[in-house]
Amino acid sequence: MITVTRLNGKKFQINALYIETIESFPDTTITLTNGHKFVVLEDEDNIHKQIILFYQSINILGSTNMGGGLDEK
């Protein structure tokens, strides 16, 4: 889940697995796979970062540290 803010300042959470598109018109609009749309205060970059963190937390994406670790030779 990611946390976003409606234009009236009220925060709510969206399951990032159901996000189909994120657009700016200039307000950021999130469209879910079921067609529901939400206009939020956060910008696209902020939402994108939250989605990546969410995916990593449920192991859909690997770690961002793809370089060698300290124990690697």
C-alpha atoms as a PDB file:
ATOM      1  CA  MET A   1       0.000   0.000   0.000  1.00  0.00           C
ATOM      2  CA  ILE A   2       1.129   3.550  -0.667  1.00  0.00           C
ATOM      3  CA  THR A   3      -0.112   6.649   1.147  1.00  0.00           C
ATOM      4  CA  VAL A   4      -1.382   9.587  -0.902  1.00  0.00           C
ATOM      5  CA  THR A   5      -3.254  12.813  -0.117  1.00  0.00           C
ATOM      6  CA  ARG A   6      -6.509  14.028  -1.643  1.00  0.00           C
ATOM      7  CA  LEU A   7      -6.703  17.689  -2.690  1.00  0.00           C
ATOM      8  CA  ASN A   8      -8.677  18.408   0.517  1.00  0.00           C
ATOM      9  CA  GLY A   9      -5.683  17.220   2.603  1.00  0.00           C
ATOM     10  CA  LYS A  10      -7.118  13.856   3.674  1.00  0.00           C
ATOM     11  CA  LYS A  11      -4.624  10.984   3.465  1.00  0.00           C
ATOM     12  CA  PHE A  12      -5.580   7.519   2.281  1.00  0.00           C
ATOM     13  CA  GLN A  13      -3.889   4.381   1.013  1.00  0.00           C
ATOM     14  CA  ILE A  14      -3.997   2.722  -2.380  1.00  0.00           C
ATOM     15  CA  ASN A  15      -2.872  -0.800  -3.203  1.00  0.00           C
ATOM     16  CA  ALA A  16      -0.040  -0.110  -5.655  1.00  0.00           C
ATOM     17  CA  LEU A  17      -0.633  -3.444  -7.395  1.00  0.00           C
ATOM     18  CA  TYR A  18      -3.838  -2.005  -8.877  1.00  0.00           C
ATOM     19  CA  ILE A  19      -2.351   1.213 -10.276  1.00  0.00           C
ATOM     20  CA  GLU A  20      -2.586   1.298 -14.060  1.00  0.00           C
ATOM     21  CA  THR A  21      -1.471   4.871 -14.851  1.00  0.00           C
ATOM     22  CA  ILE A  22      -0.195   8.001 -13.119  1.00  0.00           C
ATOM     23  CA  GLU A  23      -0.613  11.271 -15.023  1.00  0.00           C
ATOM     24  CA  SER A  24      -0.281  14.992 -14.347  1.00  0.00           C
ATOM     25  CA  PHE A  25      -2.923  17.334 -15.826  1.00  0.00           C
ATOM     26  CA  PRO A  26      -1.312  19.414 -13.897  1.00  0.00           C
ATOM     27  CA  ASP A  27      -2.838  17.681 -10.826  1.00  0.00           C
ATOM     28  CA  THR A  28      -1.587  14.139 -10.367  1.00  0.00           C
ATOM     29  CA  THR A  29      -4.251  11.599 -11.311  1.00  0.00           C
ATOM     30  CA  ILE A  30      -3.938   7.917 -10.429  1.00  0.00           C
ATOM     31  CA  THR A  31      -6.040   5.492 -12.459  1.00  0.00           C
ATOM     32  CA  LEU A  32      -6.600   1.995 -11.104  1.00  0.00           C
ATOM     33  CA  THR A  33      -7.122  -1.138 -13.160  1.00  0.00           C
ATOM     34  CA  ASN A  34     -10.863  -1.012 -12.353  1.00  0.00           C
ATOM     35  CA  GLY A  35     -11.119   2.492 -13.868  1.00  0.00           C
ATOM     36  CA  HIS A  36     -11.426   4.444 -10.612  1.00  0.00           C
ATOM     37  CA  LYS A  37      -9.478   7.715 -10.659  1.00  0.00           C
ATOM     38  CA  PHE A  38      -7.975   9.616  -7.738  1.00  0.00           C
ATOM     39  CA  VAL A  39      -6.582  13.159  -7.895  1.00  0.00           C
ATOM     40  CA  VAL A  40      -3.800  13.583  -5.322  1.00  0.00           C
ATOM     41  CA  LEU A  41      -1.358  16.223  -4.098  1.00  0.00           C
ATOM     42  CA  GLU A  42       1.807  14.117  -4.504  1.00  0.00           C
ATOM     43  CA  ASP A  43       3.799  14.429  -7.725  1.00  0.00           C
ATOM     44  CA  GLU A  44       4.492  11.519 -10.079  1.00  0.00           C
ATOM     45  CA  ASP A  45       8.088  11.061  -8.877  1.00  0.00           C
ATOM     46  CA  ASN A  46       7.009  10.769  -5.236  1.00  0.00           C
ATOM     47  CA  ILE A  47       4.362   8.180  -6.094  1.00  0.00           C
ATOM     48  CA  HIS A  48       6.807   6.264  -8.291  1.00  0.00           C
ATOM     49  CA  LYS A  49       9.316   6.056  -5.408  1.00  0.00           C
ATOM     50  CA  GLN A  50       6.594   4.859  -3.035  1.00  0.00           C
ATOM     51  CA  ILE A  51       5.547   2.168  -5.521  1.00  0.00           C
ATOM     52  CA  ILE A  52       9.111   0.900  -5.889  1.00  0.00           C
ATOM     53  CA  LEU A  53       9.519   0.732  -2.094  1.00  0.00           C
ATOM     54  CA  PHE A  54       6.196  -1.118  -1.809  1.00  0.00           C
ATOM     55  CA  TYR A  55       7.166  -3.631  -4.506  1.00  0.00           C
ATOM     56  CA  GLN A  56      10.520  -4.225  -2.798  1.00  0.00           C
ATOM     57  CA  SER A  57       8.807  -4.710   0.569  1.00  0.00           C
ATOM     58  CA  ILE A  58       6.702  -7.550  -0.860  1.00  0.00           C
ATOM     59  CA  ASN A  59       9.623  -8.928  -2.911  1.00  0.00           C
ATOM     60  CA  ILE A  60       8.218  -8.203  -6.360  1.00  0.00           C
ATOM     61  CA  LEU A  61      11.388  -6.257  -7.183  1.00  0.00           C
ATOM     62  CA  GLY A  62      14.862  -7.153  -6.042  1.00  0.00           C
ATOM     63  CA  SER A  63      17.049  -4.995  -3.866  1.00  0.00           C
ATOM     64  CA  THR A  64      18.271  -1.687  -5.270  1.00  0.00           C
ATOM     65  CA  ASN A  65      21.765  -2.683  -4.136  1.00  0.00           C
ATOM     66  CA  MET A  66      22.678  -4.814  -7.126  1.00  0.00           C
ATOM     67  CA  GLY A  67      26.379  -4.165  -6.666  1.00  0.00           C
ATOM     68  CA  GLY A  68      28.609  -6.452  -4.652  1.00  0.00           C
ATOM     69  CA  GLY A  69      28.223  -6.665  -0.916  1.00  0.00           C
ATOM     70  CA  LEU A  70      30.957  -6.476   1.674  1.00  0.00           C
ATOM     71  CA  ASP A  71      31.260 -10.249   1.873  1.00  0.00           C
ATOM     72  CA  GLU A  72      31.557 -10.685  -1.882  1.00  0.00           C
ATOM     73  CA  LYS A  73      35.018 -11.183  -3.365  1.00  0.00           C
END
